[in-house]
Amino acid sequence: MLMAIQINERFKPLYSSDSDIFILTGGRGGGKTFAVTDAGLRLSYEKGQKILATRYSMNSAKKSIIPEYTLMMERHGIEGAFTTVDNDITNTKIGTEIIFSGIKTQSGNQTARLKGIPDLTTWIYDEFEEDPDETTFDTINNTVRSKNAKNRIILILNPSFKSRWFYKRWFEPHNLPNEFNGTIGNVTYIHQNYPDNKENLSEKFLRDAEQARLTNYQKYRHVFLGHWLESSEGLLWNMDLIDKFRVTEAPILKRVIVAVDPAITAKAGSDETGIIVVGLSIDNRGYVLEDGSGTYSPNEWATKAVQLYKKWNAKEIVAEVNQGGDMVENTIKVVDPLIHVHKVHATKGKFVRAEPVYALYQMGRVSHLGYFGKLESQMVTWNPDDNHTSPDRMDALVWGLSRLMLVDNTSSRANGKGRRHKSNSL
């Protein structure tokens, strides 16, 4: 028997509306994922349901989505009603499956496999702002057509840019304002922000939100209130500049490196570790290839960096060592002692480091391979005058492209695996 958990009134349509599509928007800390997780577990008690829960990028369901469902089971006291095998949770009382999967995996896009899952009734898509194109969405969406139960699509996203396909499909035609709640046709829109969820948020989160409100209102609106960004917005970078040179395929690359801006802890509220893969083509253009950033323990971020190093056949890992010193390199060497680590120190301010990289974008010398929603959000909302923020993904990007395109790498190319170098200062 599921307990009555307090859910904000705005989320009630998840439980009562007959809509086909639910789009949940809002800034950080609004409780969107919490509400959908509760709704997903409740759906598992309906006969005929088969639920697919995805994120576009998911390194491990057991470390990302499944723990959210496990905690929700504990809140309801129903852990004994479910079994977990690999990336599936089954409600043994009813037989309902909840299947967890990333769409983009280490081996590539697995849309074809997901669309082959029979009898899907519900698709829950978290971090939907990372979805790269309409074709990927429509391919799986057209599979949710079971006659065994009510079909529904639940999309959870932090609003990004008005140039993205999902804004043009669901928001632009109706000229919807920011923070819209309501139903239009077969689509229900739910928007909630952190002020309505304060009782569940840490003091640090609330301080960070207030600091952003006072020092960088554009970032506050976008990150904490979930407002959409115009493509032309940005204090340094803007989306027009990034979109102009975006590509869907990478050329032949003569050099690839993994850049890491490490966080030392992985506690709730900790900074993320920025992990960005960048490459240099034979015509000396830079390419942003992958964003592997996240909230990791030291061993987890080192493992992730080494995985990406091997996946992309990189030449080195560039790591910022201001906080961790030799510990940063040692942590990577524990995972693989043969990895070549190049240490860098931040002796200049973020703006001084970032401006030459921004100039590369202005010259059209850097392309993004696909979309990197969280990275690009940091790039266009970063205020160079705000010394209180730590844009971890952007920092890693700057370290990587600086090392790849602004530093003489002749000596490093001549060195063999595992050879240590003196660190650079930027």
Protein backbone atom coordinates (compact mmCIF):
# COMPACT_ATOMS: atom_id res chain seq x y z
CA MET A 1 0.00 0.00 0.00
CA LEU A 2 1.50 3.32 -1.03
CA MET A 3 1.61 6.06 1.56
CA ALA A 4 0.31 9.58 0.98
CA ILE A 5 3.44 11.60 0.22
CA GLN A 6 3.18 15.38 0.14
CA ILE A 7 3.35 16.48 -3.50
CA ASN A 8 2.92 20.09 -4.57
CA GLU A 9 -0.47 20.85 -6.08
CA ARG A 10 1.12 21.76 -9.42
CA PHE A 11 2.13 18.11 -9.93
CA LYS A 12 -1.36 16.72 -9.32
CA PRO A 13 -2.17 16.49 -13.08
CA LEU A 14 0.42 13.68 -13.24
CA TYR A 15 -2.01 11.60 -11.20
CA SER A 16 -5.33 12.80 -12.57
CA SER A 17 -5.03 14.29 -16.09
CA ASP A 18 -5.96 12.26 -19.16
CA SER A 19 -3.34 14.05 -21.32
CA ASP A 20 -1.06 12.09 -23.64
CA ILE A 21 2.02 14.23 -22.99
CA PHE A 22 3.21 15.90 -19.78
CA ILE A 23 6.03 18.45 -19.97
CA LEU A 24 7.58 19.37 -16.63
CA THR A 25 9.79 22.46 -16.61
CA GLY A 26 11.44 24.57 -13.96
CA GLY A 27 14.79 25.47 -12.49
CA ARG A 28 16.95 23.51 -10.10
CA GLY A 29 15.40 22.33 -6.87
CA GLY A 30 11.78 22.40 -8.03
CA GLY A 31 11.07 18.76 -7.20
CA LYS A 32 10.21 17.64 -10.74
CA THR A 33 12.07 14.33 -10.63
CA PHE A 34 10.76 13.56 -7.13
CA ALA A 35 7.15 13.96 -8.27
CA VAL A 36 7.64 11.88 -11.43
CA THR A 37 9.39 9.11 -9.52
CA ASP A 38 6.42 8.89 -7.16
CA ALA A 39 4.02 8.91 -10.12
CA GLY A 40 6.05 6.18 -11.85
CA LEU A 41 5.88 3.88 -8.85
CA ARG A 42 2.14 4.43 -8.57
CA LEU A 43 1.74 3.61 -12.26
CA SER A 44 3.52 0.32 -11.66
CA TYR A 45 0.48 -0.78 -9.64
CA GLU A 46 -1.76 -0.46 -12.71
CA LYS A 47 -2.21 -3.67 -14.67
CA GLY A 48 -0.96 -3.60 -18.24
CA GLN A 49 1.66 -0.94 -17.68
CA LYS A 50 5.21 -1.24 -19.02
CA ILE A 51 7.33 1.82 -18.23
CA LEU A 52 10.53 3.01 -19.93
CA ALA A 53 12.58 5.53 -17.93
CA THR A 54 15.42 7.16 -19.85
CA ARG A 55 17.98 9.90 -19.88
CA TYR A 56 19.81 10.78 -23.07
CA SER A 57 23.19 10.17 -21.45
CA MET A 58 23.33 7.65 -18.65
CA ASN A 59 26.57 6.09 -17.49
CA SER A 60 24.83 3.77 -15.04
CA ALA A 61 21.16 3.46 -14.17
CA LYS A 62 22.19 1.88 -10.88
CA LYS A 63 24.01 5.08 -9.90
CA SER A 64 21.57 7.63 -11.33
CA ILE A 65 17.89 6.82 -11.78
CA ILE A 66 17.41 3.54 -9.88
CA PRO A 67 18.51 5.02 -6.50
CA GLU A 68 15.76 7.64 -6.83
CA TYR A 69 13.17 4.88 -7.20
CA THR A 70 14.72 2.86 -4.38
CA LEU A 71 14.50 5.84 -2.01
CA MET A 72 10.90 6.43 -3.03
CA MET A 73 10.10 2.76 -2.32
CA GLU A 74 11.60 3.20 1.15
CA ARG A 75 9.48 6.29 1.78
CA HIS A 76 6.39 4.27 0.92
CA GLY A 77 7.63 1.18 2.78
CA ILE A 78 7.12 -1.04 -0.27
CA GLU A 79 10.67 -2.27 -0.99
CA GLY A 80 9.52 -5.87 -0.61
CA ALA A 81 7.09 -5.52 -3.50
CA PHE A 82 9.88 -4.92 -6.05
CA THR A 83 12.88 -6.78 -7.40
CA THR A 84 15.81 -5.15 -9.18
CA VAL A 85 17.74 -7.08 -11.83
CA ASP A 86 20.37 -5.22 -13.84
CA ASN A 87 18.58 -2.13 -15.19
CA ASP A 88 15.00 -3.30 -14.59
CA ILE A 89 12.70 -2.95 -11.59
CA THR A 90 9.68 -5.26 -11.45
CA ASN A 91 6.61 -4.85 -9.30
CA THR A 92 6.19 -8.48 -8.27
CA LYS A 93 2.65 -7.87 -6.99
CA ILE A 94 1.40 -6.79 -10.43
CA GLY A 95 4.17 -7.87 -12.80
CA THR A 96 4.80 -4.36 -14.11
CA GLU A 97 8.29 -3.63 -15.45
CA ILE A 98 10.15 -0.33 -15.17
CA ILE A 99 13.01 -0.45 -17.68
CA PHE A 100 15.88 2.03 -17.23
CA SER A 101 18.13 3.00 -20.10
CA GLY A 102 20.29 5.71 -21.58
CA ILE A 103 19.64 6.61 -25.20
CA LYS A 104 23.25 7.49 -25.91
CA THR A 105 25.68 4.88 -24.60
CA GLN A 106 29.41 4.27 -24.80
CA SER A 107 28.80 2.17 -27.91
CA GLY A 108 26.57 4.75 -29.62
CA ASN A 109 22.91 5.64 -29.96
CA GLN A 110 20.59 2.75 -29.07
CA THR A 111 17.30 4.21 -30.29
CA ALA A 112 16.75 1.16 -32.48
CA ARG A 113 16.93 -1.19 -29.50
CA LEU A 114 14.58 0.93 -27.38
CA LYS A 115 11.96 1.23 -30.08
CA GLY A 116 11.87 -2.56 -30.21
CA ILE A 117 10.57 -2.92 -26.64
CA PRO A 118 7.06 -4.39 -27.01
CA ASP A 119 3.90 -3.12 -25.26
CA LEU A 120 5.34 0.13 -23.90
CA THR A 121 2.64 2.22 -22.23
CA THR A 122 4.63 4.99 -20.52
CA TRP A 123 7.86 6.75 -21.41
CA ILE A 124 9.51 8.93 -18.74
CA TYR A 125 12.36 11.02 -20.16
CA ASP A 126 14.43 12.89 -17.55
CA GLU A 127 16.92 15.65 -18.46
CA PHE A 128 15.06 15.93 -21.76
CA GLU A 129 16.91 19.16 -22.57
CA GLU A 130 19.83 16.96 -23.68
CA ASP A 131 17.81 15.32 -26.48
CA PRO A 132 19.63 16.25 -29.70
CA ASP A 133 16.95 16.05 -32.37
CA GLU A 134 13.30 15.43 -33.11
CA THR A 135 13.99 12.19 -34.97
CA THR A 136 15.40 10.48 -31.87
CA PHE A 137 12.33 11.46 -29.85
CA ASP A 138 9.77 10.54 -32.51
CA THR A 139 11.31 7.12 -33.11
CA ILE A 140 10.71 6.00 -29.51
CA ASN A 141 7.52 8.05 -29.10
CA ASN A 142 5.88 6.14 -31.94
CA THR A 143 6.60 2.88 -30.08
CA VAL A 144 4.45 3.89 -27.08
CA ARG A 145 1.20 2.56 -28.51
CA SER A 146 0.15 -0.40 -26.36
CA LYS A 147 -3.55 -1.22 -26.09
CA ASN A 148 -3.06 -2.75 -22.64
CA ALA A 149 -3.26 0.55 -20.70
CA LYS A 150 -3.39 4.33 -21.04
CA ASN A 151 -0.37 5.61 -22.98
CA ARG A 152 1.55 8.66 -21.79
CA ILE A 153 4.84 10.49 -22.33
CA ILE A 154 6.39 12.39 -19.39
CA LEU A 155 9.20 14.81 -20.28
CA ILE A 156 11.28 16.47 -17.53
CA LEU A 157 13.55 19.34 -18.53
CA ASN A 158 15.31 22.44 -17.35
CA PRO A 159 14.46 24.99 -20.08
CA SER A 160 17.42 25.75 -22.31
CA PHE A 161 17.33 27.80 -25.50
CA LYS A 162 14.46 28.93 -27.68
CA SER A 163 16.38 27.70 -30.71
CA ARG A 164 15.99 24.05 -29.59
CA TRP A 165 13.53 21.82 -31.44
CA PHE A 166 11.34 21.04 -28.44
CA TYR A 167 10.72 24.73 -27.72
CA LYS A 168 9.68 25.25 -31.33
CA ARG A 169 7.42 22.19 -31.24
CA TRP A 170 5.54 22.65 -27.95
CA PHE A 171 6.08 26.21 -26.69
CA GLU A 172 6.58 28.62 -29.60
CA PRO A 173 3.32 27.83 -31.47
CA HIS A 174 1.29 28.85 -28.41
CA ASN A 175 3.53 31.79 -27.41
CA LEU A 176 3.64 30.36 -23.89
CA PRO A 177 5.07 32.58 -21.15
CA ASN A 178 7.79 31.42 -18.78
CA GLU A 179 6.39 29.45 -15.83
CA PHE A 180 3.21 28.46 -17.71
CA ASN A 181 0.96 25.86 -16.08
CA GLY A 182 -2.03 24.42 -17.90
CA THR A 183 -3.28 22.07 -20.61
CA ILE A 184 -3.39 22.78 -24.34
CA GLY A 185 -4.85 20.05 -26.49
CA ASN A 186 -3.34 16.72 -25.41
CA VAL A 187 -0.34 18.33 -23.67
CA THR A 188 -0.22 19.29 -19.98
CA TYR A 189 2.47 21.78 -18.94
CA ILE A 190 3.72 21.79 -15.33
CA HIS A 191 6.25 24.37 -14.12
CA GLN A 192 7.64 24.64 -10.60
CA ASN A 193 10.69 26.35 -9.09
CA TYR A 194 12.66 26.07 -5.88
CA PRO A 195 10.72 28.75 -3.88
CA ASP A 196 7.79 26.29 -3.80
CA ASN A 197 10.04 23.49 -2.56
CA LYS A 198 12.20 25.31 0.02
CA GLU A 199 11.38 22.93 2.86
CA ASN A 200 13.20 20.13 1.00
CA LEU A 201 16.31 22.12 0.06
CA SER A 202 19.60 22.65 1.89
CA GLU A 203 20.74 25.98 3.25
CA LYS A 204 23.67 25.89 0.83
CA PHE A 205 21.33 25.56 -2.15
CA LEU A 206 19.26 28.51 -0.97
CA ARG A 207 22.39 30.61 -0.41
CA ASP A 208 23.65 29.76 -3.91
CA ALA A 209 20.31 30.75 -5.42
CA GLU A 210 20.25 34.06 -3.55
CA GLN A 211 23.86 34.78 -4.55
CA ALA A 212 22.96 34.19 -8.20
CA ARG A 213 19.93 36.46 -7.88
CA LEU A 214 22.08 39.29 -6.53
CA THR A 215 25.13 38.91 -8.78
CA ASN A 216 23.98 37.32 -12.05
CA TYR A 217 20.26 37.73 -12.60
CA GLN A 218 20.38 36.19 -16.07
CA LYS A 219 21.83 33.00 -14.59
CA TYR A 220 19.27 33.14 -11.77
CA ARG A 221 16.36 33.35 -14.20
CA HIS A 222 17.66 30.54 -16.33
CA VAL A 223 19.15 28.11 -13.79
CA PHE A 224 16.96 28.69 -10.73
CA LEU A 225 13.67 29.90 -12.24
CA GLY A 226 13.78 27.79 -15.39
CA HIS A 227 13.26 30.60 -17.92
CA TRP A 228 14.04 30.03 -21.57
CA LEU A 229 17.06 31.78 -23.09
CA GLU A 230 17.14 33.69 -26.32
CA SER A 231 19.86 32.41 -28.63
CA SER A 232 21.52 35.84 -28.61
CA GLU A 233 21.87 35.97 -24.82
CA GLY A 234 25.23 35.53 -23.19
CA LEU A 235 27.77 37.75 -21.49
CA LEU A 236 30.66 36.13 -23.34
CA TRP A 237 29.49 33.14 -25.38
CA ASN A 238 26.02 33.04 -26.91
CA MET A 239 24.07 30.28 -28.60
CA ASP A 240 24.20 31.88 -32.04
CA LEU A 241 27.97 31.58 -31.91
CA ILE A 242 27.89 27.97 -30.73
CA ASP A 243 25.12 26.92 -33.14
CA LYS A 244 26.86 28.48 -36.15
CA PHE A 245 29.63 25.88 -36.19
CA ARG A 246 27.84 22.90 -34.60
CA VAL A 247 28.40 19.57 -36.40
CA THR A 248 26.87 16.10 -36.32
CA GLU A 249 30.01 14.19 -37.29
CA ALA A 250 33.62 14.65 -36.25
CA PRO A 251 36.38 14.69 -38.88
CA ILE A 252 39.61 12.75 -38.63
CA LEU A 253 41.33 13.91 -35.45
CA LYS A 254 45.06 14.06 -34.97
CA ARG A 255 44.94 14.64 -31.22
CA VAL A 256 42.37 14.12 -28.45
CA ILE A 257 42.64 15.02 -24.78
CA VAL A 258 40.37 14.69 -21.76
CA ALA A 259 40.19 17.78 -19.54
CA VAL A 260 39.22 17.49 -15.86
CA ASP A 261 38.25 20.19 -13.37
CA PRO A 262 37.92 18.00 -10.27
CA ALA A 263 35.71 18.34 -7.24
CA ILE A 264 37.24 16.80 -4.15
CA THR A 265 34.00 15.53 -2.59
CA ALA A 266 30.75 14.05 -3.89
CA LYS A 267 28.42 15.12 -1.08
CA ALA A 268 24.97 16.57 -1.73
CA GLY A 269 25.48 20.14 -2.84
CA SER A 270 29.09 19.56 -3.91
CA ASP A 271 30.39 21.07 -7.12
CA GLU A 272 30.41 18.77 -10.11
CA THR A 273 33.62 17.51 -11.62
CA GLY A 274 33.94 18.90 -15.11
CA ILE A 275 35.12 16.26 -17.61
CA ILE A 276 35.21 17.40 -21.23
CA VAL A 277 36.71 15.58 -24.23
CA VAL A 278 38.15 17.79 -26.98
CA GLY A 279 39.91 16.97 -30.22
CA LEU A 280 42.04 18.69 -32.86
CA SER A 281 41.48 17.98 -36.57
CA ILE A 282 44.13 17.82 -39.24
CA ASP A 283 43.24 21.38 -40.26
CA ASN A 284 43.76 22.55 -36.66
CA ARG A 285 40.13 23.10 -35.74
CA GLY A 286 38.94 22.21 -32.26
CA TYR A 287 36.00 19.88 -31.56
CA VAL A 288 34.09 19.40 -28.31
CA LEU A 289 33.41 15.67 -28.42
CA GLU A 290 31.80 14.61 -25.15
CA ASP A 291 30.75 15.90 -21.76
CA GLY A 292 31.24 13.32 -19.02
CA SER A 293 30.82 15.73 -16.11
CA GLY A 294 28.88 14.87 -12.97
CA THR A 295 28.89 14.62 -9.19
CA TYR A 296 31.47 11.94 -8.48
CA SER A 297 33.73 10.74 -5.70
CA PRO A 298 37.45 11.12 -6.54
CA ASN A 299 37.67 7.48 -7.60
CA GLU A 300 34.52 7.80 -9.72
CA TRP A 301 35.64 10.89 -11.63
CA ALA A 302 39.09 9.38 -12.20
CA THR A 303 37.48 6.18 -13.52
CA LYS A 304 35.18 8.19 -15.80
CA ALA A 305 38.09 10.26 -17.14
CA VAL A 306 40.12 7.11 -17.87
CA GLN A 307 37.12 5.49 -19.61
CA LEU A 308 36.78 8.50 -21.90
CA TYR A 309 40.56 8.57 -22.44
CA LYS A 310 40.42 5.00 -23.76
CA LYS A 311 37.15 5.43 -25.65
CA TRP A 312 38.49 8.38 -27.67
CA ASN A 313 42.09 7.10 -27.86
CA ALA A 314 43.26 10.28 -26.15
CA LYS A 315 46.88 11.29 -25.70
CA GLU A 316 46.60 12.74 -22.22
CA ILE A 317 44.38 13.83 -19.38
CA VAL A 318 44.71 17.50 -18.51
CA ALA A 319 43.78 18.08 -14.86
CA GLU A 320 43.49 21.28 -12.85
CA VAL A 321 45.30 20.67 -9.55
CA ASN A 322 44.77 23.82 -7.51
CA GLN A 323 42.54 22.07 -4.97
CA GLY A 324 44.00 18.58 -4.93
CA GLY A 325 47.68 18.98 -5.80
CA ASP A 326 49.41 15.68 -6.42
CA MET A 327 46.31 13.88 -5.16
CA VAL A 328 44.59 14.59 -8.47
CA GLU A 329 47.28 12.88 -10.53
CA ASN A 330 47.65 10.06 -8.02
CA THR A 331 43.91 9.37 -8.11
CA ILE A 332 44.06 8.93 -11.89
CA LYS A 333 47.20 6.78 -11.67
CA VAL A 334 45.47 4.41 -9.23
CA VAL A 335 42.89 3.68 -11.93
CA ASP A 336 45.52 3.29 -14.65
CA PRO A 337 49.22 3.98 -13.93
CA LEU A 338 50.04 4.28 -17.64
CA ILE A 339 47.78 7.29 -18.24
CA HIS A 340 49.66 10.43 -19.20
CA VAL A 341 48.51 13.24 -16.87
CA HIS A 342 49.32 16.87 -17.58
CA LYS A 343 48.78 19.07 -14.53
CA VAL A 344 47.72 22.70 -14.82
CA HIS A 345 47.48 25.43 -12.18
CA ALA A 346 45.02 28.32 -12.20
CA THR A 347 47.12 31.38 -11.47
CA LYS A 348 44.98 33.79 -13.48
CA GLY A 349 41.32 34.71 -13.15
CA LYS A 350 38.63 32.74 -15.01
CA PHE A 351 37.97 35.55 -17.48
CA VAL A 352 41.66 35.85 -18.42
CA ARG A 353 41.76 32.09 -19.03
CA ALA A 354 38.45 31.96 -20.87
CA GLU A 355 38.84 34.95 -23.18
CA PRO A 356 41.42 33.38 -25.56
CA VAL A 357 39.20 30.29 -25.88
CA TYR A 358 36.18 32.50 -26.57
CA ALA A 359 38.27 34.16 -29.30
CA LEU A 360 38.70 30.75 -30.93
CA TYR A 361 34.90 30.43 -31.07
CA GLN A 362 34.63 33.91 -32.58
CA MET A 363 37.09 32.91 -35.29
CA GLY A 364 34.99 29.82 -36.09
CA ARG A 365 37.73 27.44 -35.01
CA VAL A 366 35.70 25.39 -32.51
CA SER A 367 32.73 23.12 -33.21
CA HIS A 368 30.50 21.17 -30.84
CA LEU A 369 29.73 17.60 -31.88
CA GLY A 370 26.00 17.59 -31.16
CA TYR A 371 24.39 19.35 -28.19
CA PHE A 372 25.77 19.68 -24.68
CA GLY A 373 22.92 21.32 -22.81
CA LYS A 374 24.47 21.69 -19.36
CA LEU A 375 27.87 22.77 -20.65
CA GLU A 376 26.39 25.30 -23.06
CA SER A 377 24.09 26.64 -20.36
CA GLN A 378 27.13 27.33 -18.18
CA MET A 379 28.92 29.01 -21.08
CA VAL A 380 26.15 31.47 -21.94
CA THR A 381 25.07 32.29 -18.37
CA TRP A 382 28.53 32.73 -16.85
CA ASN A 383 29.16 36.25 -15.61
CA PRO A 384 32.90 37.06 -15.72
CA ASP A 385 32.40 39.56 -12.87
CA ASP A 386 30.89 36.93 -10.54
CA ASN A 387 33.68 35.44 -8.46
CA HIS A 388 31.32 33.28 -6.42
CA THR A 389 30.41 30.75 -9.12
CA SER A 390 32.42 27.75 -10.26
CA PRO A 391 31.33 26.72 -13.77
CA ASP A 392 32.98 23.31 -13.62
CA ARG A 393 32.08 22.09 -17.13
CA MET A 394 33.11 25.38 -18.69
CA ASP A 395 36.36 25.37 -16.71
CA ALA A 396 37.21 21.92 -18.04
CA LEU A 397 36.38 23.09 -21.58
CA VAL A 398 38.73 26.06 -21.20
CA TRP A 399 41.53 23.88 -19.84
CA GLY A 400 41.08 21.38 -22.66
CA LEU A 401 40.92 23.79 -25.59
CA SER A 402 43.74 25.90 -24.14
CA ARG A 403 45.97 22.85 -23.93
CA LEU A 404 44.91 21.63 -27.36
CA MET A 405 45.01 24.87 -29.33
CA LEU A 406 46.81 27.61 -27.38
CA VAL A 407 49.84 25.78 -25.95
CA ASP A 408 52.81 24.38 -27.83
CA ASN A 409 52.32 20.61 -27.52
CA THR A 410 55.42 19.56 -29.44
CA SER A 411 57.20 18.23 -26.37
CA SER A 412 54.19 16.37 -25.04
CA ARG A 413 53.62 14.61 -28.35
CA ALA A 414 57.13 13.27 -28.22
CA ASN A 415 56.74 11.73 -24.80
CA GLY A 416 55.60 8.21 -24.20
CA LYS A 417 52.78 6.84 -22.07
CA GLY A 418 52.98 7.44 -18.36
CA ARG A 419 55.72 10.07 -18.64
CA ARG A 420 55.21 12.95 -16.20
CA HIS A 421 55.44 16.58 -17.29
CA LYS A 422 55.87 19.76 -15.40
CA SER A 423 52.57 21.49 -14.93
CA ASN A 424 51.51 24.60 -16.82
CA SER A 425 50.02 27.70 -15.24
CA LEU A 426 47.22 29.60 -16.85
